[in-house]
N, C-alpha and C. Protein backbone atom coordinates (compact mmCIF):
# COMPACT_ATOMS: atom_id res chain seq x y z
N MET A 1 134.90 100.80 95.37
CA MET A 1 133.56 100.34 95.86
C MET A 1 132.88 100.32 94.24
N ASN A 2 131.98 99.25 94.23
CA ASN A 2 131.11 99.02 92.92
C ASN A 2 129.87 99.38 93.35
N HIS A 3 128.95 99.46 92.31
CA HIS A 3 127.61 99.86 92.42
C HIS A 3 126.75 99.17 93.31
N ASP A 4 126.99 97.88 93.43
CA ASP A 4 126.39 96.86 94.27
C ASP A 4 126.50 97.43 95.73
N GLU A 5 128.06 97.57 96.05
CA GLU A 5 128.21 97.91 97.46
C GLU A 5 127.72 99.28 97.71
N LEU A 6 127.69 100.24 96.82
CA LEU A 6 127.01 101.53 97.26
C LEU A 6 125.38 101.26 97.68
N LEU A 7 124.77 100.54 96.78
CA LEU A 7 123.54 100.27 97.05
C LEU A 7 123.06 99.61 98.47
N GLU A 8 124.09 98.68 98.78
CA GLU A 8 124.02 97.98 100.17
C GLU A 8 124.37 98.96 101.30
N LEU A 9 125.30 99.88 100.97
CA LEU A 9 125.60 101.16 101.94
C LEU A 9 124.36 101.94 102.08
N ARG A 10 123.66 102.19 101.10
CA ARG A 10 122.50 103.16 101.32
C ARG A 10 121.43 102.25 101.94
N GLU A 11 121.37 101.14 101.60
CA GLU A 11 120.21 100.29 102.55
C GLU A 11 120.55 100.26 103.75
N ALA A 12 121.77 100.14 104.19
CA ALA A 12 122.14 99.92 105.73
C ALA A 12 121.92 101.56 106.15
N TYR A 13 122.19 102.37 105.48
CA TYR A 13 122.12 103.76 106.11
C TYR A 13 120.51 104.04 106.39
N ASN A 14 119.67 103.62 105.15
CA ASN A 14 118.33 103.72 105.55
C ASN A 14 117.69 102.80 106.90
N GLU A 15 118.23 101.75 106.68
CA GLU A 15 117.59 100.79 107.83
C GLU A 15 118.15 101.29 109.25
N LYS A 16 119.45 102.01 109.48
CA LYS A 16 119.74 102.61 110.63
C LYS A 16 119.26 104.03 110.85
N ARG A 17 118.46 104.42 109.83
CA ARG A 17 118.08 105.84 109.92
C ARG A 17 119.07 106.81 110.07
N ILE A 18 120.23 106.60 109.26
CA ILE A 18 121.38 107.69 109.29
C ILE A 18 121.12 108.72 108.47
N LEU A 19 120.95 110.02 108.94
CA LEU A 19 120.77 111.25 108.34
C LEU A 19 122.01 111.89 107.65
N LEU A 20 123.26 111.76 108.30
CA LEU A 20 124.34 112.44 107.89
C LEU A 20 125.38 111.43 108.30
N CYS A 21 126.35 111.24 107.28
CA CYS A 21 127.54 110.39 107.67
C CYS A 21 128.61 110.92 106.97
N PHE A 22 129.83 111.44 107.64
CA PHE A 22 130.99 111.85 107.13
C PHE A 22 132.27 111.14 107.66
N ASN A 23 133.14 110.84 106.67
CA ASN A 23 134.47 110.12 107.06
C ASN A 23 135.56 110.82 106.39
N GLY A 24 136.47 111.22 107.12
CA GLY A 24 137.63 111.92 106.45
C GLY A 24 138.10 112.99 107.39
N PRO A 25 139.14 113.84 107.01
CA PRO A 25 139.67 114.91 107.87
C PRO A 25 138.76 116.12 107.87
N PHE A 26 138.77 116.75 108.96
CA PHE A 26 137.92 117.97 109.16
C PHE A 26 138.40 119.33 108.86
N SER A 27 138.07 120.37 108.13
CA SER A 27 138.47 121.61 108.09
C SER A 27 137.34 122.44 108.85
N GLN A 28 137.88 123.61 109.14
CA GLN A 28 136.67 124.56 109.60
C GLN A 28 135.57 124.69 108.81
N GLY A 29 135.93 124.88 107.26
CA GLY A 29 134.90 125.18 106.37
C GLY A 29 134.07 123.92 106.25
N LEU A 30 134.61 122.77 106.27
CA LEU A 30 133.71 121.57 106.08
C LEU A 30 132.83 121.32 107.42
N ILE A 31 133.45 121.72 108.65
CA ILE A 31 132.35 121.56 109.84
C ILE A 31 131.25 122.46 109.64
N GLU A 32 131.52 123.73 109.02
CA GLU A 32 130.31 124.53 108.94
C GLU A 32 129.43 124.23 107.79
N GLU A 33 129.99 123.66 106.66
CA GLU A 33 129.09 123.12 105.50
C GLU A 33 128.24 121.98 105.89
N ILE A 34 128.63 120.92 106.63
CA ILE A 34 128.06 120.04 107.27
C ILE A 34 127.08 120.21 108.23
N GLY A 35 127.57 121.19 109.06
CA GLY A 35 126.64 121.87 110.14
C GLY A 35 125.23 122.49 109.30
N SER A 36 125.66 123.26 108.32
CA SER A 36 124.52 123.87 107.45
C SER A 36 123.66 122.80 106.92
N ALA A 37 124.24 121.56 106.43
CA ALA A 37 123.23 120.49 105.93
C ALA A 37 122.46 119.93 107.00
N LEU A 38 123.02 120.03 108.08
CA LEU A 38 122.34 119.25 109.36
C LEU A 38 121.08 120.08 109.91
N LYS A 39 121.53 121.26 109.85
CA LYS A 39 120.43 122.30 110.24
C LYS A 39 119.52 122.34 109.23
N TRP A 40 119.57 122.20 108.07
CA TRP A 40 118.44 122.17 107.03
C TRP A 40 117.67 120.92 107.20
N TYR A 41 118.42 119.78 107.34
CA TYR A 41 117.68 118.57 107.61
C TYR A 41 116.80 118.60 108.46
N LEU A 42 117.28 119.01 109.75
CA LEU A 42 116.58 119.29 111.02
C LEU A 42 115.43 120.06 110.93
N GLU A 43 115.28 121.15 110.17
CA GLU A 43 114.22 121.98 109.91
C GLU A 43 113.43 121.43 109.10
N SER A 44 113.68 120.77 108.05
CA SER A 44 112.79 120.19 106.95
C SER A 44 112.04 118.91 107.60
N GLU A 45 112.58 118.44 108.82
CA GLU A 45 111.89 117.36 109.54
C GLU A 45 111.05 117.87 110.56
N SER A 46 111.04 119.24 110.59
CA SER A 46 110.15 119.90 111.56
C SER A 46 110.60 119.46 113.04
N THR A 47 111.87 119.26 113.22
CA THR A 47 112.41 118.85 114.57
C THR A 47 112.12 120.22 115.49
N ALA A 48 111.88 119.66 116.86
CA ALA A 48 111.46 120.87 117.83
C ALA A 48 112.91 121.83 117.77
N ARG A 49 112.69 123.09 117.69
CA ARG A 49 113.74 123.97 117.65
C ARG A 49 114.87 123.84 118.84
N SER A 50 114.45 123.43 119.84
CA SER A 50 115.33 123.25 121.06
C SER A 50 116.16 121.89 120.80
N SER A 51 115.50 120.87 120.31
CA SER A 51 116.27 119.77 120.00
C SER A 51 117.29 119.83 118.88
N SER A 52 116.67 120.60 118.03
CA SER A 52 117.37 120.92 116.61
C SER A 52 118.61 121.63 116.96
N MET A 53 118.57 122.67 117.95
CA MET A 53 119.88 123.53 118.51
C MET A 53 120.91 122.67 119.25
N ASP A 54 120.25 121.83 119.89
CA ASP A 54 121.04 120.87 120.78
C ASP A 54 121.96 119.94 119.78
N ILE A 55 121.20 119.27 118.88
CA ILE A 55 121.72 118.41 118.07
C ILE A 55 123.02 119.15 117.34
N PHE A 56 122.65 120.22 116.81
CA PHE A 56 123.62 121.03 116.07
C PHE A 56 124.69 121.53 116.94
N ALA A 57 124.68 121.91 118.38
CA ALA A 57 125.50 122.12 119.04
C ALA A 57 126.39 121.04 119.53
N VAL A 58 125.93 119.73 119.74
CA VAL A 58 126.62 118.62 120.04
C VAL A 58 127.78 118.34 118.63
N TYR A 59 126.94 118.30 117.53
CA TYR A 59 127.72 118.02 116.41
C TYR A 59 128.91 118.94 116.21
N VAL A 60 128.60 120.45 116.27
CA VAL A 60 129.76 121.26 116.11
C VAL A 60 130.87 121.18 117.17
N GLU A 61 130.55 120.92 118.52
CA GLU A 61 131.48 120.72 119.40
C GLU A 61 132.42 119.46 119.35
N ILE A 62 131.85 118.55 118.87
CA ILE A 62 132.35 117.30 118.78
C ILE A 62 133.48 117.38 117.63
N ALA A 63 132.93 117.96 116.37
CA ALA A 63 133.72 117.93 115.38
C ALA A 63 135.04 119.04 115.43
N GLN A 64 134.84 120.34 116.16
CA GLN A 64 135.83 120.94 116.40
C GLN A 64 136.85 120.57 117.52
N ASN A 65 136.28 119.80 118.21
CA ASN A 65 137.33 118.97 119.32
C ASN A 65 138.29 118.00 118.55
N ILE A 66 137.50 117.39 117.45
CA ILE A 66 138.44 116.33 116.69
C ILE A 66 139.48 117.16 115.97
N ARG A 67 138.92 118.04 115.43
CA ARG A 67 139.68 118.86 114.38
C ARG A 67 140.97 119.53 115.15
N GLU A 68 140.68 120.09 116.39
CA GLU A 68 141.74 120.87 117.16
C GLU A 68 142.60 119.69 117.64
N TYR A 69 142.09 118.50 118.11
CA TYR A 69 142.96 117.60 118.68
C TYR A 69 144.00 117.19 117.65
N SER A 70 143.51 116.93 116.39
CA SER A 70 144.40 116.30 115.46
C SER A 70 145.36 117.27 115.04
N ALA A 71 144.96 118.79 115.22
CA ALA A 71 146.10 119.79 114.69
C ALA A 71 146.98 119.74 115.80
N ALA A 72 146.59 119.79 117.18
CA ALA A 72 147.40 119.81 118.15
C ALA A 72 148.62 118.66 118.14
N ARG A 73 148.29 117.29 117.69
CA ARG A 73 149.01 116.43 117.65
C ARG A 73 149.76 116.24 116.29
N ARG A 74 149.45 117.24 115.46
CA ARG A 74 150.09 117.33 114.25
C ARG A 74 150.08 115.95 113.36
N TYR A 75 148.84 115.46 113.36
CA TYR A 75 148.44 114.29 112.62
C TYR A 75 148.40 114.60 111.20
N GLY A 76 148.78 113.64 110.44
CA GLY A 76 148.61 113.74 108.89
C GLY A 76 147.32 113.35 108.72
N GLU A 77 146.95 113.48 107.31
CA GLU A 77 145.57 113.39 106.75
C GLU A 77 144.84 112.00 107.20
N ALA A 78 145.88 111.09 107.12
CA ALA A 78 145.17 109.56 107.67
C ALA A 78 144.79 109.73 109.03
N GLU A 79 145.75 110.17 109.98
CA GLU A 79 145.57 110.08 111.29
C GLU A 79 144.34 111.17 111.82
N ALA A 80 144.36 112.18 111.00
CA ALA A 80 143.33 113.30 111.30
C ALA A 80 141.71 112.95 110.90
N SER A 81 141.77 111.74 110.09
CA SER A 81 140.37 111.31 109.60
C SER A 81 139.56 110.79 110.70
N ALA A 82 138.19 111.39 110.79
CA ALA A 82 137.34 111.26 111.67
C ALA A 82 135.98 110.47 110.96
N THR A 83 135.09 109.95 111.76
CA THR A 83 133.84 109.59 111.48
C THR A 83 132.93 109.79 112.27
N VAL A 84 131.80 110.64 111.64
CA VAL A 84 130.75 111.33 112.39
C VAL A 84 129.28 110.70 111.80
N VAL A 85 128.56 110.33 112.57
CA VAL A 85 127.20 109.88 111.97
C VAL A 85 126.09 110.68 112.80
N VAL A 86 125.07 110.93 112.21
CA VAL A 86 124.01 111.41 113.10
C VAL A 86 122.56 110.61 112.36
N SER A 87 122.09 110.10 113.39
CA SER A 87 121.02 109.18 113.03
C SER A 87 119.75 109.60 113.82
N ARG A 88 118.71 109.01 113.46
CA ARG A 88 117.40 109.22 114.32
C ARG A 88 116.83 107.74 114.63
N GLY A 89 116.71 107.48 115.95
CA GLY A 89 116.35 106.17 116.38
C GLY A 89 114.72 106.21 116.23
N ASP A 90 114.21 105.01 116.44
CA ASP A 90 112.94 104.73 116.45
C ASP A 90 111.81 105.46 117.30
N ASP A 91 112.60 105.85 118.45
CA ASP A 91 111.88 106.64 119.57
C ASP A 91 111.85 108.15 119.24
N GLY A 92 112.52 108.53 118.02
CA GLY A 92 112.37 109.71 117.67
C GLY A 92 113.61 110.80 118.18
N ARG A 93 114.44 110.21 119.02
CA ARG A 93 115.65 110.80 119.43
C ARG A 93 116.74 110.65 118.48
N TYR A 94 117.66 111.67 118.60
CA TYR A 94 118.75 111.64 117.57
C TYR A 94 120.08 111.17 118.30
N GLU A 95 120.82 110.45 117.60
CA GLU A 95 122.46 110.20 117.96
C GLU A 95 123.30 110.67 117.20
N VAL A 96 124.08 111.30 117.87
CA VAL A 96 125.64 111.62 117.31
C VAL A 96 126.54 110.86 117.92
N VAL A 97 127.19 110.08 117.14
CA VAL A 97 128.33 109.01 117.20
C VAL A 97 129.70 109.65 116.45
N ALA A 98 130.62 109.73 117.05
CA ALA A 98 131.85 110.31 116.26
C ALA A 98 133.00 109.50 116.78
N GLY A 99 133.80 109.21 116.09
CA GLY A 99 135.19 108.43 116.41
C GLY A 99 136.16 109.05 115.59
N ASN A 100 137.48 109.05 116.20
CA ASN A 100 138.72 109.57 115.59
C ASN A 100 140.03 108.85 116.30
N THR A 101 141.20 109.03 115.62
CA THR A 101 142.38 108.39 116.15
C THR A 101 142.72 109.06 117.20
N VAL A 102 143.15 108.75 118.24
CA VAL A 102 143.90 109.40 119.54
C VAL A 102 145.04 108.67 120.02
N GLU A 103 145.77 109.24 120.81
CA GLU A 103 146.99 108.55 121.46
C GLU A 103 146.16 107.70 122.68
N ALA A 104 146.68 106.52 123.01
CA ALA A 104 146.19 105.66 123.89
C ALA A 104 146.13 106.36 125.29
N ALA A 105 147.06 107.05 125.85
CA ALA A 105 147.17 107.78 126.98
C ALA A 105 145.91 108.77 126.99
N ASP A 106 145.76 109.50 125.74
CA ASP A 106 144.77 110.60 126.05
C ASP A 106 143.40 109.89 126.11
N ALA A 107 143.29 108.59 125.51
CA ALA A 107 141.95 108.03 125.41
C ALA A 107 141.56 107.51 126.86
N VAL A 108 142.56 107.22 127.80
CA VAL A 108 142.23 106.85 129.12
C VAL A 108 141.69 108.00 129.86
N THR A 109 142.36 109.25 129.74
CA THR A 109 142.03 110.24 130.68
C THR A 109 140.68 110.68 129.86
N LEU A 110 140.38 110.71 128.59
CA LEU A 110 138.94 111.11 128.09
C LEU A 110 137.98 110.24 128.45
N ARG A 111 138.23 108.96 128.53
CA ARG A 111 137.37 107.74 128.98
C ARG A 111 136.93 108.09 130.49
N GLU A 112 137.98 108.31 131.32
CA GLU A 112 137.78 108.65 132.83
C GLU A 112 136.71 109.64 132.84
N ARG A 113 137.01 110.87 132.10
CA ARG A 113 136.17 111.90 132.10
C ARG A 113 134.54 111.65 131.77
N ILE A 114 134.65 110.93 130.70
CA ILE A 114 133.06 110.68 130.16
C ILE A 114 132.63 109.63 131.13
N ASP A 115 133.27 108.68 131.73
CA ASP A 115 132.54 107.90 132.51
C ASP A 115 132.14 108.72 133.85
N ALA A 116 132.89 109.60 134.40
CA ALA A 116 132.42 110.23 135.46
C ALA A 116 131.39 111.23 135.10
N LEU A 117 131.24 111.78 134.07
CA LEU A 117 130.24 112.74 133.56
C LEU A 117 128.82 111.93 133.63
N ALA A 118 128.86 110.52 133.01
CA ALA A 118 127.87 109.67 132.72
C ALA A 118 127.13 109.17 134.20
N LEU A 119 127.84 109.45 135.16
CA LEU A 119 127.07 109.04 136.48
C LEU A 119 126.40 110.30 137.18
N LEU A 120 126.76 111.54 136.46
CA LEU A 120 126.03 112.81 137.02
C LEU A 120 124.61 112.72 136.40
N ASP A 121 123.76 113.31 137.48
CA ASP A 121 122.18 113.76 136.99
C ASP A 121 122.42 115.07 136.31
N LYS A 122 121.18 115.70 135.87
CA LYS A 122 121.07 116.98 135.35
C LYS A 122 121.52 118.07 136.13
N ALA A 123 121.17 117.85 137.45
CA ALA A 123 121.34 119.17 138.40
C ALA A 123 123.00 119.01 138.83
N GLU A 124 123.39 117.82 138.74
CA GLU A 124 125.00 117.73 139.20
C GLU A 124 125.73 118.27 137.87
N LEU A 125 125.31 117.97 136.62
CA LEU A 125 126.03 118.41 135.48
C LEU A 125 125.88 119.78 135.32
N LYS A 126 124.86 120.65 135.74
CA LYS A 126 124.68 122.03 136.03
C LYS A 126 125.63 122.39 136.80
N ALA A 127 125.97 121.83 138.02
CA ALA A 127 126.86 122.27 138.96
C ALA A 127 128.21 122.16 138.45
N ALA A 128 128.56 121.14 137.64
CA ALA A 128 129.90 120.91 137.37
C ALA A 128 130.29 121.82 136.19
N TYR A 129 129.35 122.35 135.52
CA TYR A 129 129.52 123.27 134.45
C TYR A 129 129.72 124.70 135.04
N LYS A 130 128.97 125.05 136.02
CA LYS A 130 129.30 126.11 136.81
C LYS A 130 130.65 126.21 137.62
N GLN A 131 131.04 125.07 138.05
CA GLN A 131 132.15 124.97 138.82
C GLN A 131 133.52 125.01 137.72
N GLN A 132 133.08 124.49 136.62
CA GLN A 132 134.22 124.52 135.77
C GLN A 132 134.52 125.95 135.06
N LEU A 133 133.27 126.65 135.04
CA LEU A 133 133.46 128.11 134.63
C LEU A 133 134.27 128.98 135.63
N ARG A 134 134.22 128.50 136.79
CA ARG A 134 134.99 129.52 137.73
C ARG A 134 136.51 128.99 138.02
N ARG A 135 136.79 127.84 137.52
CA ARG A 135 137.89 127.33 137.44
C ARG A 135 138.98 128.14 136.72
N PRO A 136 140.18 128.46 137.23
CA PRO A 136 141.21 129.20 136.38
C PRO A 136 141.66 128.29 135.22
N ARG A 137 141.68 129.04 134.02
CA ARG A 137 142.00 128.18 132.80
C ARG A 137 143.61 128.33 132.59
N ASP A 138 144.22 127.31 132.14
CA ASP A 138 145.69 127.09 131.81
C ASP A 138 145.61 127.62 130.32
N GLU A 139 146.12 128.78 130.10
CA GLU A 139 146.24 129.41 128.95
C GLU A 139 147.20 128.67 127.99
N GLY A 140 148.08 127.89 128.38
CA GLY A 140 149.05 127.21 127.68
C GLY A 140 148.77 125.82 127.18
N ASP A 141 147.68 125.41 127.63
CA ASP A 141 147.12 123.96 127.43
C ASP A 141 146.35 123.97 125.96
N GLY A 142 145.86 125.07 125.51
CA GLY A 142 145.15 125.17 124.18
C GLY A 142 143.67 124.42 124.29
N SER A 143 143.28 124.29 125.49
CA SER A 143 141.90 123.58 125.76
C SER A 143 141.00 124.59 126.00
N SER A 144 139.65 124.08 125.93
CA SER A 144 138.46 125.06 126.07
C SER A 144 138.04 125.01 127.73
N ALA A 145 138.99 124.55 128.49
CA ALA A 145 138.66 124.59 129.96
C ALA A 145 137.65 123.35 130.12
N GLY A 146 137.52 122.32 129.40
CA GLY A 146 136.75 121.29 129.65
C GLY A 146 135.38 121.51 129.58
N LEU A 147 134.72 122.87 129.31
CA LEU A 147 133.42 122.95 129.36
C LEU A 147 132.63 122.35 128.23
N GLY A 148 133.17 122.00 126.98
CA GLY A 148 132.44 121.50 125.92
C GLY A 148 132.11 120.15 126.13
N LEU A 149 132.79 119.23 126.78
CA LEU A 149 132.28 117.88 127.19
C LEU A 149 131.37 118.10 128.19
N ILE A 150 131.34 118.92 129.12
CA ILE A 150 130.18 118.96 130.12
C ILE A 150 128.68 119.56 129.26
N ASP A 151 129.05 120.44 128.59
CA ASP A 151 127.82 120.91 127.86
C ASP A 151 127.30 119.88 127.03
N ILE A 152 128.09 119.08 126.38
CA ILE A 152 127.53 117.92 125.50
C ILE A 152 126.80 117.02 126.52
N ALA A 153 127.43 116.68 127.61
CA ALA A 153 126.63 115.69 128.58
C ALA A 153 125.21 116.35 129.11
N ARG A 154 125.35 117.60 129.26
CA ARG A 154 124.14 118.31 129.69
C ARG A 154 122.87 118.26 128.65
N LYS A 155 123.43 118.29 127.28
CA LYS A 155 122.43 118.16 126.24
C LYS A 155 121.84 116.89 126.00
N SER A 156 122.69 115.89 126.28
CA SER A 156 122.35 114.32 126.10
C SER A 156 121.29 113.94 127.01
N THR A 157 120.16 113.23 126.45
CA THR A 157 119.22 112.75 127.07
C THR A 157 119.60 111.29 128.03
N ASP A 158 120.56 110.68 127.49
CA ASP A 158 120.89 109.37 128.05
C ASP A 158 122.45 109.95 128.44
N PRO A 159 123.05 108.93 129.52
CA PRO A 159 124.46 109.12 129.76
C PRO A 159 125.26 109.07 128.66
N LEU A 160 126.48 109.70 128.52
CA LEU A 160 127.44 109.65 127.44
C LEU A 160 128.01 108.20 127.56
N SER A 161 128.36 107.66 126.32
CA SER A 161 129.03 106.49 126.32
C SER A 161 130.35 106.53 125.47
N CYS A 162 131.29 105.72 125.63
CA CYS A 162 132.47 105.78 124.60
C CYS A 162 132.93 104.40 124.51
N ALA A 163 133.79 104.25 123.49
CA ALA A 163 134.42 102.86 123.27
C ALA A 163 135.99 103.28 122.81
N VAL A 164 136.84 102.37 123.00
CA VAL A 164 138.08 102.39 122.54
C VAL A 164 138.41 101.12 121.92
N TYR A 165 139.33 101.31 120.73
CA TYR A 165 139.55 99.96 119.93
C TYR A 165 141.12 100.22 119.71
N PRO A 166 142.03 99.28 119.91
CA PRO A 166 143.33 99.56 119.62
C PRO A 166 143.68 99.55 118.12
N LEU A 167 144.63 100.44 117.79
CA LEU A 167 145.27 100.51 116.40
C LEU A 167 146.62 100.35 116.57
N ALA A 168 147.44 100.30 115.41
CA ALA A 168 148.71 100.12 115.18
C ALA A 168 149.41 101.28 115.94
N GLY A 169 150.62 101.11 116.43
CA GLY A 169 151.47 102.26 116.78
C GLY A 169 151.12 103.05 118.16
N GLY A 170 150.48 102.38 118.92
CA GLY A 170 150.06 102.89 120.38
C GLY A 170 149.01 103.91 120.23
N ARG A 171 148.23 103.88 119.15
CA ARG A 171 147.02 104.77 119.20
C ARG A 171 145.87 103.89 119.20
N VAL A 172 144.65 104.67 119.29
CA VAL A 172 143.42 103.99 119.55
C VAL A 172 142.46 104.58 118.73
N PHE A 173 141.37 103.83 118.20
CA PHE A 173 140.15 104.68 117.65
C PHE A 173 139.31 104.76 118.95
N PHE A 174 138.97 106.07 119.17
CA PHE A 174 138.08 106.59 120.30
C PHE A 174 136.63 107.01 119.65
N SER A 175 135.67 106.40 120.15
CA SER A 175 134.35 106.71 119.78
C SER A 175 133.48 107.13 120.97
N LEU A 176 132.62 108.29 120.56
CA LEU A 176 131.66 108.85 121.65
C LEU A 176 130.25 108.78 121.09
N ARG A 177 129.23 108.39 121.94
CA ARG A 177 128.00 108.45 121.46
C ARG A 177 127.17 109.16 122.27
N VAL A 178 126.52 110.16 121.73
CA VAL A 178 125.44 111.15 122.49
C VAL A 178 124.29 111.17 121.95
N VAL A 179 123.03 111.08 122.84
CA VAL A 179 121.73 110.80 122.39
C VAL A 179 121.07 112.23 122.81
N VAL A 180 120.63 112.81 121.90
CA VAL A 180 119.80 114.05 122.13
C VAL A 180 118.17 113.89 121.76
């Protein structure tokens, strides 16, 4: 990357009101450091405390899901790379958009879950969350019982949306958009 490209990138970030952007593999320490920076930024912008906590919680849940998925799949550094962007729209709401490499079959399942959650209103999401809490958890699957995605949907002011882009080797780039 040369100096002109960096300036163009900065201008594009400013135009899209991007507050935070990360591209690379996540570690727990990195998730925490980026989370601290995000908290500081939101506090300095005098973002309402409830919104600030929701944005932070959505970022952490997504980042940890990406890290855990990559570790469970034993992805190398290139496959474990993720992109996370936090921006603020003209309407004052924040967007958390994240994407990472996943197996194509996993993307189908995840997309179905997100599409189903996107159809639910706030009361139905609350009921789904409570129902999921009561459901027995399979200790061997390493999942968080699906609560995280429902919780993200509950915090989102718009329905969750996702996209899937094919990659080589039967994998896809999966992206999720959450508006808070």
